[in-house]
């Protein structure tokens, strides 16, 4: 399946617990900030919404995140704009 953002760096959190997800998200954002990537994708799925919520809360407090939003075409992923 071809996605609209297939050329962007992606972090897939399927099967990851909440605490480990926070670490992975922050590391992923920082790594992409360092190499000057301006936009990334975090795949959290929908499920019960636990990892989706954890993703939103983690991004809200990350100083390298300029903005983020749930993808309009796939609510199981979040598009992140990095400072």
Protein backbone atom coordinates (compact mmCIF):
# COMPACT_ATOMS: atom_id res chain seq x y z
CA UNK A 1 0.00 0.00 0.00
CA UNK A 2 1.35 3.40 -0.96
CA UNK A 3 0.96 6.06 1.71
CA UNK A 4 1.03 9.79 1.40
CA UNK A 5 4.01 10.11 3.76
CA UNK A 6 6.00 7.02 2.75
CA UNK A 7 9.24 8.98 2.39
CA UNK A 8 9.23 10.25 6.01
CA UNK A 9 11.11 8.67 8.93
CA UNK A 10 8.70 6.43 10.83
CA UNK A 11 8.51 5.00 14.33
CA UNK A 12 6.16 2.02 14.77
CA UNK A 13 4.99 1.51 18.36
CA UNK A 14 2.87 -1.61 17.80
CA UNK A 15 3.45 -4.08 20.64
CA UNK A 16 5.31 -1.56 22.83
CA UNK A 17 4.22 -0.74 26.38
CA UNK A 18 3.47 2.80 27.57
CA UNK A 19 6.74 3.51 29.41
CA UNK A 20 8.97 2.15 26.65
CA UNK A 21 6.90 4.09 24.08
CA UNK A 22 7.72 7.38 25.86
CA UNK A 23 11.45 6.62 25.68
CA UNK A 24 11.30 5.58 22.02
CA UNK A 25 9.29 8.65 21.04
CA UNK A 26 11.63 11.10 22.77
CA UNK A 27 14.73 9.39 21.35
CA UNK A 28 13.19 9.31 17.85
CA UNK A 29 12.28 13.00 17.98
CA UNK A 30 15.72 14.01 19.28
CA UNK A 31 17.55 11.89 16.68
CA UNK A 32 15.52 13.46 13.87
CA UNK A 33 16.02 16.94 15.33
CA UNK A 34 19.80 16.38 15.29
CA UNK A 35 19.82 15.35 11.64
CA UNK A 36 17.46 18.19 10.74
CA UNK A 37 14.45 16.15 9.63
CA UNK A 38 11.47 18.48 9.85
CA UNK A 39 8.63 15.96 9.68
CA UNK A 40 8.24 12.40 10.98
CA UNK A 41 5.49 9.82 11.46
CA UNK A 42 4.70 7.93 14.64
CA UNK A 43 2.52 4.87 14.16
CA UNK A 44 0.63 4.08 17.36
CA UNK A 45 -2.43 2.29 16.07
CA UNK A 46 -5.92 2.81 17.43
CA UNK A 47 -6.74 -0.18 19.66
CA UNK A 48 -7.77 0.89 23.16
CA UNK A 49 -6.07 4.24 22.66
CA UNK A 50 -3.41 3.76 25.35
CA UNK A 51 -0.35 4.19 23.12
CA UNK A 52 -2.14 6.82 21.03
CA UNK A 53 -2.76 8.85 24.18
CA UNK A 54 0.78 8.26 25.44
CA UNK A 55 2.09 9.52 22.09
CA UNK A 56 0.03 12.73 22.30
CA UNK A 57 1.07 13.43 25.92
CA UNK A 58 4.75 12.74 25.17
CA UNK A 59 4.78 14.99 22.10
CA UNK A 60 3.04 17.78 24.01
CA UNK A 61 5.93 17.97 26.48
CA UNK A 62 8.83 17.44 24.05
CA UNK A 63 10.77 20.68 23.51
CA UNK A 64 11.83 19.66 19.98
CA UNK A 65 8.25 19.29 18.71
CA UNK A 66 6.80 22.29 16.92
CA UNK A 67 3.39 20.73 16.27
CA UNK A 68 1.68 17.38 15.79
CA UNK A 69 -1.64 16.06 14.58
CA UNK A 70 -3.43 12.81 13.96
CA UNK A 71 -3.20 11.92 10.27
CA UNK A 72 -6.53 12.71 8.56
CA UNK A 73 -6.16 9.64 6.32
CA UNK A 74 -4.98 7.20 9.02
CA UNK A 75 -6.02 7.85 12.63
CA UNK A 76 -3.53 5.19 13.76
CA UNK A 77 -0.61 7.55 13.15
CA UNK A 78 0.50 11.01 14.15
CA UNK A 79 2.40 13.46 11.94
CA UNK A 80 5.02 15.42 13.86
CA UNK A 81 6.66 18.69 12.80
CA UNK A 82 10.07 19.13 14.45
CA UNK A 83 11.62 22.51 15.31
